Amino acid sequence: MQQEVFAVPLANVKEIVSIKTEDVKTTKGEEVISLRGKVVPLIRLDKSLELNLAQEETKREFFALVVEVGSKRAGFVVDALLGQQEIVIKSLGGHMKKVKGYAGATILGDGRPAFILDVPSLI
């Protein structure tokens, strides 16, 4: 199974919610959930970042990392959460600066590399 690890700035994270597939609705061609009376769009990172990941069987329940920029909210659909970590941000150079969705990169405590997501450009 192919696995990608991403970091999200804690300043943008509002909460983590567990969602059942039957709670996901489609409006105007986009997946959304209702969260405390507000409609929150879901962002599937594999599609938004144009990743070619092997598709797993449909899960009955998954996590959404609810992020916020200004008054905009969205839920990033994730398979798993690693928790909060202090990281050093390394800026992206060359051609990667022009790629939408990425703010930088880092090395996690366990030695794995991770891209840091640019939350405003994704929502």
PDB file of N, CA and C in Angstrom:
ATOM      1  N   MET A   1       0.850  -1.187   0.000  1.00  0.00           N
ATOM      2  CA  MET A   1       0.000   0.000   0.000  1.00  0.00           C
ATOM      3  C   MET A   1       0.890   1.243   0.000  1.00  0.00           C
ATOM      4  N   GLN A   2       0.572   2.180  -0.855  1.00  0.00           N
ATOM      5  CA  GLN A   2       1.320   3.426  -0.959  1.00  0.00           C
ATOM      6  C   GLN A   2       0.838   4.371   0.137  1.00  0.00           C
ATOM      7  N   GLN A   3       1.769   5.099   0.753  1.00  0.00           N
ATOM      8  CA  GLN A   3       1.388   5.970   1.858  1.00  0.00           C
ATOM      9  C   GLN A   3       2.091   7.314   1.726  1.00  0.00           C
ATOM     10  N   GLU A   4       1.345   8.375   1.897  1.00  0.00           N
ATOM     11  CA  GLU A   4       1.893   9.725   1.899  1.00  0.00           C
ATOM     12  C   GLU A   4       1.631  10.327   3.273  1.00  0.00           C
ATOM     13  N   VAL A   5       2.606  11.072   3.776  1.00  0.00           N
ATOM     14  CA  VAL A   5       2.472  11.729   5.071  1.00  0.00           C
ATOM     15  C   VAL A   5       2.549  13.224   4.831  1.00  0.00           C
ATOM     16  N   PHE A   6       1.597  13.958   5.412  1.00  0.00           N
ATOM     17  CA  PHE A   6       1.550  15.404   5.267  1.00  0.00           C
ATOM     18  C   PHE A   6       1.469  16.050   6.642  1.00  0.00           C
ATOM     19  N   ALA A   7       1.965  17.272   6.731  1.00  0.00           N
ATOM     20  CA  ALA A   7       1.852  18.071   7.946  1.00  0.00           C
ATOM     21  C   ALA A   7       0.927  19.249   7.649  1.00  0.00           C
ATOM     22  N   VAL A   8       0.172  19.639   8.657  1.00  0.00           N
ATOM     23  CA  VAL A   8      -0.748  20.775   8.541  1.00  0.00           C
ATOM     24  C   VAL A   8      -0.434  21.732   9.683  1.00  0.00           C
ATOM     25  N   PRO A   9      -0.249  23.025   9.391  1.00  0.00           N
ATOM     26  CA  PRO A   9       0.020  23.986  10.470  1.00  0.00           C
ATOM     27  C   PRO A   9      -1.093  23.962  11.515  1.00  0.00           C
ATOM     28  N   LEU A  10      -0.702  23.839  12.763  1.00  0.00           N
ATOM     29  CA  LEU A  10      -1.666  23.749  13.861  1.00  0.00           C
ATOM     30  C   LEU A  10      -2.567  24.980  13.936  1.00  0.00           C
ATOM     31  N   ALA A  11      -2.081  26.125  13.501  1.00  0.00           N
ATOM     32  CA  ALA A  11      -2.877  27.351  13.535  1.00  0.00           C
ATOM     33  C   ALA A  11      -4.139  27.227  12.674  1.00  0.00           C
ATOM     34  N   ASN A  12      -4.107  26.361  11.663  1.00  0.00           N
ATOM     35  CA  ASN A  12      -5.264  26.183  10.785  1.00  0.00           C
ATOM     36  C   ASN A  12      -6.219  25.086  11.252  1.00  0.00           C
ATOM     37  N   VAL A  13      -5.780  24.229  12.165  1.00  0.00           N
ATOM     38  CA  VAL A  13      -6.596  23.082  12.594  1.00  0.00           C
ATOM     39  C   VAL A  13      -7.594  23.513  13.658  1.00  0.00           C
ATOM     40  N   LYS A  14      -8.868  23.230  13.398  1.00  0.00           N
ATOM     41  CA  LYS A  14      -9.913  23.563  14.364  1.00  0.00           C
ATOM     42  C   LYS A  14     -10.331  22.348  15.168  1.00  0.00           C
ATOM     43  N   GLU A  15     -10.470  21.206  14.493  1.00  0.00           N
ATOM     44  CA  GLU A  15     -10.856  19.983  15.183  1.00  0.00           C
ATOM     45  C   GLU A  15     -10.693  18.781  14.270  1.00  0.00           C
ATOM     46  N   ILE A  16     -10.798  17.618  14.864  1.00  0.00           N
ATOM     47  CA  ILE A  16     -10.768  16.361  14.120  1.00  0.00           C
ATOM     48  C   ILE A  16     -12.088  15.669  14.399  1.00  0.00           C
ATOM     49  N   VAL A  17     -12.756  15.234  13.332  1.00  0.00           N
ATOM     50  CA  VAL A  17     -14.044  14.573  13.500  1.00  0.00           C
ATOM     51  C   VAL A  17     -14.029  13.210  12.816  1.00  0.00           C
ATOM     52  N   SER A  18     -14.767  12.295  13.400  1.00  0.00           N
ATOM     53  CA  SER A  18     -14.969  10.981  12.798  1.00  0.00           C
ATOM     54  C   SER A  18     -16.289  11.040  12.035  1.00  0.00           C
ATOM     55  N   ILE A  19     -16.275  10.578  10.792  1.00  0.00           N
ATOM     56  CA  ILE A  19     -17.443  10.705   9.928  1.00  0.00           C
ATOM     57  C   ILE A  19     -17.842   9.337   9.388  1.00  0.00           C
ATOM     58  N   LYS A  20     -19.116   9.064   9.398  1.00  0.00           N
ATOM     59  CA  LYS A  20     -19.637   7.845   8.772  1.00  0.00           C
ATOM     60  C   LYS A  20     -19.956   8.171   7.318  1.00  0.00           C
ATOM     61  N   THR A  21     -19.721   7.218   6.429  1.00  0.00           N
ATOM     62  CA  THR A  21     -19.946   7.472   5.000  1.00  0.00           C
ATOM     63  C   THR A  21     -21.380   7.896   4.713  1.00  0.00           C
ATOM     64  N   GLU A  22     -22.338   7.399   5.491  1.00  0.00           N
ATOM     65  CA  GLU A  22     -23.730   7.783   5.242  1.00  0.00           C
ATOM     66  C   GLU A  22     -24.026   9.235   5.623  1.00  0.00           C
ATOM     67  N   ASP A  23     -23.108   9.883   6.363  1.00  0.00           N
ATOM     68  CA  ASP A  23     -23.284  11.294   6.726  1.00  0.00           C
ATOM     69  C   ASP A  23     -22.746  12.247   5.655  1.00  0.00           C
ATOM     70  N   VAL A  24     -22.074  11.702   4.646  1.00  0.00           N
ATOM     71  CA  VAL A  24     -21.528  12.526   3.566  1.00  0.00           C
ATOM     72  C   VAL A  24     -22.609  12.749   2.517  1.00  0.00           C
ATOM     73  N   LYS A  25     -22.850  13.991   2.191  1.00  0.00           N
ATOM     74  CA  LYS A  25     -23.839  14.365   1.174  1.00  0.00           C
ATOM     75  C   LYS A  25     -23.116  15.012  -0.002  1.00  0.00           C
ATOM     76  N   THR A  26     -23.793  15.086  -1.126  1.00  0.00           N
ATOM     77  CA  THR A  26     -23.226  15.751  -2.295  1.00  0.00           C
ATOM     78  C   THR A  26     -24.103  16.937  -2.643  1.00  0.00           C
ATOM     79  N   THR A  27     -23.482  18.104  -2.766  1.00  0.00           N
ATOM     80  CA  THR A  27     -24.200  19.301  -3.180  1.00  0.00           C
ATOM     81  C   THR A  27     -23.351  20.032  -4.212  1.00  0.00           C
ATOM     82  N   LYS A  28     -23.962  20.377  -5.324  1.00  0.00           N
ATOM     83  CA  LYS A  28     -23.271  21.031  -6.435  1.00  0.00           C
ATOM     84  C   LYS A  28     -22.028  20.244  -6.860  1.00  0.00           C
ATOM     85  N   GLY A  29     -22.133  18.929  -6.812  1.00  0.00           N
ATOM     86  CA  GLY A  29     -21.047  18.068  -7.247  1.00  0.00           C
ATOM     87  C   GLY A  29     -19.907  17.912  -6.257  1.00  0.00           C
ATOM     88  N   GLU A  30     -20.045  18.453  -5.061  1.00  0.00           N
ATOM     89  CA  GLU A  30     -18.984  18.364  -4.064  1.00  0.00           C
ATOM     90  C   GLU A  30     -19.489  17.671  -2.811  1.00  0.00           C
ATOM     91  N   GLU A  31     -18.585  16.898  -2.186  1.00  0.00           N
ATOM     92  CA  GLU A  31     -18.927  16.217  -0.945  1.00  0.00           C
ATOM     93  C   GLU A  31     -18.913  17.207   0.211  1.00  0.00           C
ATOM     94  N   VAL A  32     -19.924  17.104   1.079  1.00  0.00           N
ATOM     95  CA  VAL A  32     -20.020  17.970   2.249  1.00  0.00           C
ATOM     96  C   VAL A  32     -20.529  17.160   3.434  1.00  0.00           C
ATOM     97  N   ILE A  33     -20.298  17.713   4.624  1.00  0.00           N
ATOM     98  CA  ILE A  33     -20.885  17.162   5.837  1.00  0.00           C
ATOM     99  C   ILE A  33     -21.553  18.304   6.586  1.00  0.00           C
ATOM    100  N   SER A  34     -22.463  17.949   7.455  1.00  0.00           N
ATOM    101  CA  SER A  34     -23.075  18.927   8.341  1.00  0.00           C
ATOM    102  C   SER A  34     -22.388  18.791   9.691  1.00  0.00           C
ATOM    103  N   LEU A  35     -21.821  19.891  10.153  1.00  0.00           N
ATOM    104  CA  LEU A  35     -21.086  19.890  11.416  1.00  0.00           C
ATOM    105  C   LEU A  35     -21.641  20.994  12.295  1.00  0.00           C
ATOM    106  N   ARG A  36     -22.351  20.604  13.335  1.00  0.00           N
ATOM    107  CA  ARG A  36     -23.007  21.551  14.248  1.00  0.00           C
ATOM    108  C   ARG A  36     -23.823  22.594  13.499  1.00  0.00           C
ATOM    109  N   GLY A  37     -24.602  22.127  12.534  1.00  0.00           N
ATOM    110  CA  GLY A  37     -25.513  22.994  11.812  1.00  0.00           C
ATOM    111  C   GLY A  37     -24.888  23.771  10.665  1.00  0.00           C
ATOM    112  N   LYS A  38     -23.605  23.592  10.405  1.00  0.00           N
ATOM    113  CA  LYS A  38     -22.947  24.286   9.298  1.00  0.00           C
ATOM    114  C   LYS A  38     -22.484  23.266   8.264  1.00  0.00           C
ATOM    115  N   VAL A  39     -22.559  23.657   7.005  1.00  0.00           N
ATOM    116  CA  VAL A  39     -22.108  22.796   5.912  1.00  0.00           C
ATOM    117  C   VAL A  39     -20.607  22.986   5.738  1.00  0.00           C
ATOM    118  N   VAL A  40     -19.878  21.872   5.787  1.00  0.00           N
ATOM    119  CA  VAL A  40     -18.420  21.896   5.646  1.00  0.00           C
ATOM    120  C   VAL A  40     -18.043  21.030   4.443  1.00  0.00           C
ATOM    121  N   PRO A  41     -17.389  21.619   3.430  1.00  0.00           N
ATOM    122  CA  PRO A  41     -16.960  20.818   2.279  1.00  0.00           C
ATOM    123  C   PRO A  41     -15.823  19.877   2.664  1.00  0.00           C
ATOM    124  N   LEU A  42     -15.812  18.704   2.050  1.00  0.00           N
ATOM    125  CA  LEU A  42     -14.740  17.742   2.268  1.00  0.00           C
ATOM    126  C   LEU A  42     -13.743  17.827   1.120  1.00  0.00           C
ATOM    127  N   ILE A  43     -12.470  17.755   1.455  1.00  0.00           N
ATOM    128  CA  ILE A  43     -11.412  17.778   0.449  1.00  0.00           C
ATOM    129  C   ILE A  43     -10.661  16.455   0.536  1.00  0.00           C
ATOM    130  N   ARG A  44     -10.692  15.714  -0.536  1.00  0.00           N
ATOM    131  CA  ARG A  44      -9.938  14.458  -0.622  1.00  0.00           C
ATOM    132  C   ARG A  44      -8.565  14.820  -1.170  1.00  0.00           C
ATOM    133  N   LEU A  45      -7.570  14.761  -0.316  1.00  0.00           N
ATOM    134  CA  LEU A  45      -6.235  15.237  -0.666  1.00  0.00           C
ATOM    135  C   LEU A  45      -5.638  14.484  -1.849  1.00  0.00           C
ATOM    136  N   ASP A  46      -5.945  13.194  -1.983  1.00  0.00           N
ATOM    137  CA  ASP A  46      -5.399  12.445  -3.117  1.00  0.00           C
ATOM    138  C   ASP A  46      -5.863  13.037  -4.438  1.00  0.00           C
ATOM    139  N   LYS A  47      -7.092  13.551  -4.473  1.00  0.00           N
ATOM    140  CA  LYS A  47      -7.610  14.169  -5.704  1.00  0.00           C
ATOM    141  C   LYS A  47      -7.121  15.612  -5.843  1.00  0.00           C
ATOM    142  N   SER A  48      -7.165  16.383  -4.775  1.00  0.00           N
ATOM    143  CA  SER A  48      -6.752  17.790  -4.829  1.00  0.00           C
ATOM    144  C   SER A  48      -5.282  17.949  -5.169  1.00  0.00           C
ATOM    145  N   LEU A  49      -4.457  17.035  -4.669  1.00  0.00           N
ATOM    146  CA  LEU A  49      -3.019  17.112  -4.911  1.00  0.00           C
ATOM    147  C   LEU A  49      -2.594  16.246  -6.094  1.00  0.00           C
ATOM    148  N   GLU A  50      -3.590  15.669  -6.761  1.00  0.00           N
ATOM    149  CA  GLU A  50      -3.356  14.826  -7.942  1.00  0.00           C
ATOM    150  C   GLU A  50      -2.355  13.707  -7.664  1.00  0.00           C
ATOM    151  N   LEU A  51      -2.584  13.003  -6.565  1.00  0.00           N
ATOM    152  CA  LEU A  51      -1.733  11.874  -6.207  1.00  0.00           C
ATOM    153  C   LEU A  51      -2.291  10.610  -6.847  1.00  0.00           C
ATOM    154  N   ASN A  52      -1.437   9.755  -7.293  1.00  0.00           N
ATOM    155  CA  ASN A  52      -1.849   8.485  -7.878  1.00  0.00           C
ATOM    156  C   ASN A  52      -1.741   7.401  -6.820  1.00  0.00           C
ATOM    157  N   LEU A  53      -2.667   7.389  -5.886  1.00  0.00           N
ATOM    158  CA  LEU A  53      -2.619   6.410  -4.810  1.00  0.00           C
ATOM    159  C   LEU A  53      -3.565   5.262  -5.116  1.00  0.00           C
ATOM    160  N   ALA A  54      -3.172   4.071  -4.709  1.00  0.00           N
ATOM    161  CA  ALA A  54      -4.041   2.914  -4.879  1.00  0.00           C
ATOM    162  C   ALA A  54      -5.287   3.116  -4.023  1.00  0.00           C
ATOM    163  N   GLN A  55      -6.442   2.901  -4.625  1.00  0.00           N
ATOM    164  CA  GLN A  55      -7.694   3.094  -3.902  1.00  0.00           C
ATOM    165  C   GLN A  55      -7.982   1.916  -2.995  1.00  0.00           C
ATOM    166  N   GLU A  56      -8.294   2.207  -1.744  1.00  0.00           N
ATOM    167  CA  GLU A  56      -8.688   1.166  -0.802  1.00  0.00           C
ATOM    168  C   GLU A  56     -10.177   0.910  -0.956  1.00  0.00           C
ATOM    169  N   GLU A  57     -10.608  -0.192  -0.364  1.00  0.00           N
ATOM    170  CA  GLU A  57     -12.045  -0.435  -0.352  1.00  0.00           C
ATOM    171  C   GLU A  57     -12.713   0.687   0.430  1.00  0.00           C
ATOM    172  N   THR A  58     -13.961   0.926   0.146  1.00  0.00           N
ATOM    173  CA  THR A  58     -14.678   2.018   0.792  1.00  0.00           C
ATOM    174  C   THR A  58     -14.785   1.771   2.293  1.00  0.00           C
ATOM    175  N   LYS A  59     -14.340   2.741   3.052  1.00  0.00           N
ATOM    176  CA  LYS A  59     -14.415   2.645   4.507  1.00  0.00           C
ATOM    177  C   LYS A  59     -15.787   3.109   4.964  1.00  0.00           C
ATOM    178  N   ARG A  60     -16.265   2.528   6.025  1.00  0.00           N
ATOM    179  CA  ARG A  60     -17.556   2.929   6.579  1.00  0.00           C
ATOM    180  C   ARG A  60     -17.420   4.168   7.460  1.00  0.00           C
ATOM    181  N   GLU A  61     -16.197   4.406   7.935  1.00  0.00           N
ATOM    182  CA  GLU A  61     -15.952   5.554   8.808  1.00  0.00           C
ATOM    183  C   GLU A  61     -14.541   6.067   8.532  1.00  0.00           C
ATOM    184  N   PHE A  62     -14.363   7.380   8.589  1.00  0.00           N
ATOM    185  CA  PHE A  62     -13.050   7.976   8.347  1.00  0.00           C
ATOM    186  C   PHE A  62     -12.930   9.253   9.152  1.00  0.00           C
ATOM    187  N   PHE A  63     -11.715   9.813   9.164  1.00  0.00           N
ATOM    188  CA  PHE A  63     -11.459  11.052   9.888  1.00  0.00           C
ATOM    189  C   PHE A  63     -11.415  12.225   8.926  1.00  0.00           C
ATOM    190  N   ALA A  64     -11.841  13.379   9.413  1.00  0.00           N
ATOM    191  CA  ALA A  64     -11.673  14.630   8.680  1.00  0.00           C
ATOM    192  C   ALA A  64     -10.991  15.621   9.623  1.00  0.00           C
ATOM    193  N   LEU A  65      -9.931  16.206   9.117  1.00  0.00           N
ATOM    194  CA  LEU A  65      -9.211  17.240   9.834  1.00  0.00           C
ATOM    195  C   LEU A  65      -9.858  18.558   9.416  1.00  0.00           C
ATOM    196  N   VAL A  66     -10.628  19.165  10.298  1.00  0.00           N
ATOM    197  CA  VAL A  66     -11.339  20.397   9.963  1.00  0.00           C
ATOM    198  C   VAL A  66     -10.372  21.565  10.119  1.00  0.00           C
ATOM    199  N   VAL A  67     -10.158  22.261   9.006  1.00  0.00           N
ATOM    200  CA  VAL A  67      -9.222  23.386   8.975  1.00  0.00           C
ATOM    201  C   VAL A  67      -9.998  24.666   8.678  1.00  0.00           C
ATOM    202  N   GLU A  68      -9.385  25.787   9.052  1.00  0.00           N
ATOM    203  CA  GLU A  68     -10.040  27.083   8.864  1.00  0.00           C
ATOM    204  C   GLU A  68      -9.009  28.124   8.458  1.00  0.00           C
ATOM    205  N   VAL A  69      -9.395  28.934   7.481  1.00  0.00           N
ATOM    206  CA  VAL A  69      -8.610  30.093   7.061  1.00  0.00           C
ATOM    207  C   VAL A  69      -9.602  31.233   6.948  1.00  0.00           C
ATOM    208  N   GLY A  70      -9.454  32.231   7.804  1.00  0.00           N
ATOM    209  CA  GLY A  70     -10.436  33.317   7.828  1.00  0.00           C
ATOM    210  C   GLY A  70     -11.801  32.751   8.181  1.00  0.00           C
ATOM    211  N   SER A  71     -12.788  32.985   7.324  1.00  0.00           N
ATOM    212  CA  SER A  71     -14.126  32.460   7.580  1.00  0.00           C
ATOM    213  C   SER A  71     -14.406  31.169   6.809  1.00  0.00           C
ATOM    214  N   LYS A  72     -13.417  30.679   6.060  1.00  0.00           N
ATOM    215  CA  LYS A  72     -13.601  29.461   5.272  1.00  0.00           C
ATOM    216  C   LYS A  72     -13.172  28.233   6.067  1.00  0.00           C
ATOM    217  N   ARG A  73     -14.002  27.193   5.977  1.00  0.00           N
ATOM    218  CA  ARG A  73     -13.712  25.915   6.627  1.00  0.00           C
ATOM    219  C   ARG A  73     -13.791  24.799   5.610  1.00  0.00           C
ATOM    220  N   ALA A  74     -13.019  23.757   5.865  1.00  0.00           N
ATOM    221  CA  ALA A  74     -13.090  22.549   5.038  1.00  0.00           C
ATOM    222  C   ALA A  74     -12.596  21.382   5.876  1.00  0.00           C
ATOM    223  N   GLY A  75     -12.953  20.191   5.455  1.00  0.00           N
ATOM    224  CA  GLY A  75     -12.498  18.983   6.130  1.00  0.00           C
ATOM    225  C   GLY A  75     -11.580  18.194   5.222  1.00  0.00           C
ATOM    226  N   PHE A  76     -10.328  18.050   5.605  1.00  0.00           N
ATOM    227  CA  PHE A  76      -9.391  17.214   4.847  1.00  0.00           C
ATOM    228  C   PHE A  76      -9.636  15.763   5.250  1.00  0.00           C
ATOM    229  N   VAL A  77      -9.972  14.925   4.298  1.00  0.00           N
ATOM    230  CA  VAL A  77     -10.188  13.501   4.568  1.00  0.00           C
ATOM    231  C   VAL A  77      -8.822  12.840   4.734  1.00  0.00           C
ATOM    232  N   VAL A  78      -8.621  12.175   5.878  1.00  0.00           N
ATOM    233  CA  VAL A  78      -7.339  11.524   6.169  1.00  0.00           C
ATOM    234  C   VAL A  78      -7.568  10.081   6.589  1.00  0.00           C
ATOM    235  N   ASP A  79      -6.554   9.246   6.354  1.00  0.00           N
ATOM    236  CA  ASP A  79      -6.631   7.840   6.753  1.00  0.00           C
ATOM    237  C   ASP A  79      -6.224   7.648   8.204  1.00  0.00           C
ATOM    238  N   ALA A  80      -5.250   8.425   8.654  1.00  0.00           N
ATOM    239  CA  ALA A  80      -4.737   8.275  10.013  1.00  0.00           C
ATOM    240  C   ALA A  80      -4.120   9.597  10.460  1.00  0.00           C
ATOM    241  N   LEU A  81      -3.941   9.715  11.754  1.00  0.00           N
ATOM    242  CA  LEU A  81      -3.352  10.921  12.343  1.00  0.00           C
ATOM    243  C   LEU A  81      -2.139  10.524  13.162  1.00  0.00           C
ATOM    244  N   LEU A  82      -1.054  11.276  13.018  1.00  0.00           N
ATOM    245  CA  LEU A  82       0.163  10.972  13.756  1.00  0.00           C
ATOM    246  C   LEU A  82       0.269  11.764  15.050  1.00  0.00           C
ATOM    247  N   GLY A  83      -0.496  12.830  15.183  1.00  0.00           N
ATOM    248  CA  GLY A  83      -0.440  13.651  16.381  1.00  0.00           C
ATOM    249  C   GLY A  83       0.321  14.939  16.130  1.00  0.00           C
ATOM    250  N   GLN A  84       0.456  15.698  17.176  1.00  0.00           N
ATOM    251  CA  GLN A  84       1.107  17.006  17.091  1.00  0.00           C
ATOM    252  C   GLN A  84       2.609  16.840  17.264  1.00  0.00           C
ATOM    253  N   GLN A  85       3.369  17.525  16.398  1.00  0.00           N
ATOM    254  CA  GLN A  85       4.823  17.485  16.476  1.00  0.00           C
ATOM    255  C   GLN A  85       5.382  18.863  16.189  1.00  0.00           C
ATOM    256  N   GLU A  86       6.502  19.175  16.841  1.00  0.00           N
ATOM    257  CA  GLU A  86       7.219  20.390  16.475  1.00  0.00           C
ATOM    258  C   GLU A  86       8.125  20.033  15.314  1.00  0.00           C
ATOM    259  N   ILE A  87       8.089  20.857  14.265  1.00  0.00           N
ATOM    260  CA  ILE A  87       8.880  20.564  13.072  1.00  0.00           C
ATOM    261  C   ILE A  87       9.604  21.815  12.613  1.00  0.00           C
ATOM    262  N   VAL A  88      10.628  21.599  11.828  1.00  0.00           N
ATOM    263  CA  VAL A  88      11.350  22.697  11.192  1.00  0.00           C
ATOM    264  C   VAL A  88      10.893  22.736   9.740  1.00  0.00           C
ATOM    265  N   ILE A  89      10.441  23.896   9.304  1.00  0.00           N
ATOM    266  CA  ILE A  89       9.926  24.045   7.943  1.00  0.00           C
ATOM    267  C   ILE A  89      11.072  24.391   7.005  1.00  0.00           C
ATOM    268  N   LYS A  90      11.166  23.625   5.955  1.00  0.00           N
ATOM    269  CA  LYS A  90      12.152  23.881   4.898  1.00  0.00           C
ATOM    270  C   LYS A  90      11.374  24.361   3.681  1.00  0.00           C
ATOM    271  N   SER A  91      11.729  25.525   3.160  1.00  0.00           N
ATOM    272  CA  SER A  91      10.997  26.037   1.997  1.00  0.00           C
ATOM    273  C   SER A  91      11.307  25.187   0.774  1.00  0.00           C
ATOM    274  N   LEU A  92      10.383  25.216  -0.168  1.00  0.00           N
ATOM    275  CA  LEU A  92      10.539  24.470  -1.411  1.00  0.00           C
ATOM    276  C   LEU A  92      11.219  25.362  -2.436  1.00  0.00           C
ATOM    277  N   GLY A  93      12.150  24.815  -3.141  1.00  0.00           N
ATOM    278  CA  GLY A  93      12.861  25.604  -4.139  1.00  0.00           C
ATOM    279  C   GLY A  93      12.538  25.146  -5.544  1.00  0.00           C
ATOM    280  N   GLY A  94      13.060  25.880  -6.490  1.00  0.00           N
ATOM    281  CA  GLY A  94      12.938  25.501  -7.899  1.00  0.00           C
ATOM    282  C   GLY A  94      11.510  25.359  -8.373  1.00  0.00           C
ATOM    283  N   HIS A  95      11.262  24.262  -9.077  1.00  0.00           N
ATOM    284  CA  HIS A  95       9.951  24.030  -9.684  1.00  0.00           C
ATOM    285  C   HIS A  95       8.851  23.776  -8.648  1.00  0.00           C
ATOM    286  N   MET A  96       9.218  23.278  -7.466  1.00  0.00           N
ATOM    287  CA  MET A  96       8.209  22.960  -6.449  1.00  0.00           C
ATOM    288  C   MET A  96       7.522  24.202  -5.901  1.00  0.00           C
ATOM    289  N   LYS A  97       8.156  25.368  -5.999  1.00  0.00           N
ATOM    290  CA  LYS A  97       7.517  26.592  -5.517  1.00  0.00           C
ATOM    291  C   LYS A  97       6.208  26.877  -6.234  1.00  0.00           C
ATOM    292  N   LYS A  98       6.112  26.421  -7.483  1.00  0.00           N
ATOM    293  CA  LYS A  98       4.942  26.711  -8.308  1.00  0.00           C
ATOM    294  C   LYS A  98       3.830  25.684  -8.160  1.00  0.00           C
ATOM    295  N   VAL A  99       4.064  24.620  -7.386  1.00  0.00           N
ATOM    296  CA  VAL A  99       3.077  23.554  -7.249  1.00  0.00           C
ATOM    297  C   VAL A  99       2.064  23.935  -6.179  1.00  0.00           C
ATOM    298  N   LYS A 100       0.799  23.973  -6.569  1.00  0.00           N
ATOM    299  CA  LYS A 100      -0.282  24.352  -5.659  1.00  0.00           C
ATOM    300  C   LYS A 100      -0.457  23.300  -4.562  1.00  0.00           C
ATOM    301  N   GLY A 101      -0.679  23.776  -3.353  1.00  0.00           N
ATOM    302  CA  GLY A 101      -1.015  22.891  -2.252  1.00  0.00           C
ATOM    303  C   GLY A 101       0.090  22.632  -1.250  1.00  0.00           C
ATOM    304  N   TYR A 102       1.322  23.006  -1.588  1.00  0.00           N
ATOM    305  CA  TYR A 102       2.444  22.723  -0.704  1.00  0.00           C
ATOM    306  C   TYR A 102       3.106  24.015  -0.226  1.00  0.00           C
ATOM    307  N   ALA A 103       3.359  24.103   1.095  1.00  0.00           N
ATOM    308  CA  ALA A 103       3.986  25.290   1.670  1.00  0.00           C
ATOM    309  C   ALA A 103       5.450  25.058   1.996  1.00  0.00           C
ATOM    310  N   GLY A 104       5.848  23.811   2.114  1.00  0.00           N
ATOM    311  CA  GLY A 104       7.222  23.484   2.458  1.00  0.00           C
ATOM    312  C   GLY A 104       7.346  21.999   2.716  1.00  0.00           C
ATOM    313  N   ALA A 105       8.460  21.617   3.328  1.00  0.00           N
ATOM    314  CA  ALA A 105       8.701  20.219   3.651  1.00  0.00           C
ATOM    315  C   ALA A 105       9.398  20.145   5.002  1.00  0.00           C
ATOM    316  N   THR A 106       9.415  18.958   5.572  1.00  0.00           N
ATOM    317  CA  THR A 106      10.065  18.750   6.857  1.00  0.00           C
ATOM    318  C   THR A 106      10.481  17.289   6.970  1.00  0.00           C
ATOM    319  N   ILE A 107      11.279  17.005   7.973  1.00  0.00           N
ATOM    320  CA  ILE A 107      11.615  15.631   8.334  1.00  0.00           C
ATOM    321  C   ILE A 107      10.956  15.386   9.692  1.00  0.00           C
ATOM    322  N   LEU A 108      10.125  14.353   9.767  1.00  0.00           N
ATOM    323  CA  LEU A 108       9.423  14.027  11.003  1.00  0.00           C
ATOM    324  C   LEU A 108      10.382  13.406  12.009  1.00  0.00           C
ATOM    325  N   GLY A 109       9.949  13.319  13.249  1.00  0.00           N
ATOM    326  CA  GLY A 109      10.771  12.764  14.314  1.00  0.00           C
ATOM    327  C   GLY A 109      11.251  11.348  14.049  1.00  0.00           C
ATOM    328  N   ASP A 110      10.484  10.583  13.261  1.00  0.00           N
ATOM    329  CA  ASP A 110      10.875   9.202  12.955  1.00  0.00           C
ATOM    330  C   ASP A 110      11.748   9.109  11.701  1.00  0.00           C
ATOM    331  N   GLY A 111      12.114  10.274  11.127  1.00  0.00           N
ATOM    332  CA  GLY A 111      12.999  10.294   9.968  1.00  0.00           C
ATOM    333  C   GLY A 111      12.312  10.339   8.620  1.00  0.00           C
ATOM    334  N   ARG A 112      10.980  10.217   8.595  1.00  0.00           N
ATOM    335  CA  ARG A 112      10.261  10.256   7.321  1.00  0.00           C
ATOM    336  C   ARG A 112      10.088  11.695   6.847  1.00  0.00           C
ATOM    337  N   PRO A 113      10.195  11.915   5.539  1.00  0.00           N
ATOM    338  CA  PRO A 113       9.925  13.256   5.007  1.00  0.00           C
ATOM    339  C   PRO A 113       8.421  13.483   4.911  1.00  0.00           C
ATOM    340  N   ALA A 114       8.013  14.732   5.013  1.00  0.00           N
ATOM    341  CA  ALA A 114       6.590  15.081   4.880  1.00  0.00           C
ATOM    342  C   ALA A 114       6.480  16.460   4.247  1.00  0.00           C
ATOM    343  N   PHE A 115       5.533  16.585   3.333  1.00  0.00           N
ATOM    344  CA  PHE A 115       5.217  17.905   2.790  1.00  0.00           C
ATOM    345  C   PHE A 115       4.295  18.613   3.779  1.00  0.00           C
ATOM    346  N   ILE A 116       4.480  19.920   3.889  1.00  0.00           N
ATOM    347  CA  ILE A 116       3.602  20.749   4.707  1.00  0.00           C
ATOM    348  C   ILE A 116       2.571  21.347   3.759  1.00  0.00           C
ATOM    349  N   LEU A 117       1.293  21.133   4.069  1.00  0.00           N
ATOM    350  CA  LEU A 117       0.227  21.589   3.189  1.00  0.00           C
ATOM    351  C   LEU A 117      -0.018  23.079   3.327  1.00  0.00           C
ATOM    352  N   ASP A 118      -0.277  23.705   2.200  1.00  0.00           N
ATOM    353  CA  ASP A 118      -0.642  25.118   2.143  1.00  0.00           C
ATOM    354  C   ASP A 118      -2.170  25.183   2.210  1.00  0.00           C
ATOM    355  N   VAL A 119      -2.682  25.287   3.412  1.00  0.00           N
ATOM    356  CA  VAL A 119      -4.127  25.208   3.642  1.00  0.00           C
ATOM    357  C   VAL A 119      -4.913  26.250   2.855  1.00  0.00           C
ATOM    358  N   PRO A 120      -4.502  27.539   2.823  1.00  0.00           N
ATOM    359  CA  PRO A 120      -5.293  28.516   2.055  1.00  0.00           C
ATOM    360  C   PRO A 120      -5.450  28.150   0.591  1.00  0.00           C
ATOM    361  N   SER A 121      -4.417  27.626  -0.044  1.00  0.00           N
ATOM    362  CA  SER A 121      -4.534  27.313  -1.469  1.00  0.00           C
ATOM    363  C   SER A 121      -5.411  26.077  -1.708  1.00  0.00           C
ATOM    364  N   LEU A 122      -5.550  25.219  -0.709  1.00  0.00           N
ATOM    365  CA  LEU A 122      -6.368  24.025  -0.875  1.00  0.00           C
ATOM    366  C   LEU A 122      -7.854  24.288  -0.628  1.00  0.00           C
ATOM    367  N   ILE A 123      -8.172  25.269   0.220  1.00  0.00           N
ATOM    368  CA  ILE A 123      -9.592  25.536   0.453  1.00  0.00           C
ATOM    369  C   ILE A 123     -10.026  26.792  -0.282  1.00  0.00           C
TER     370      ILE A 123
END
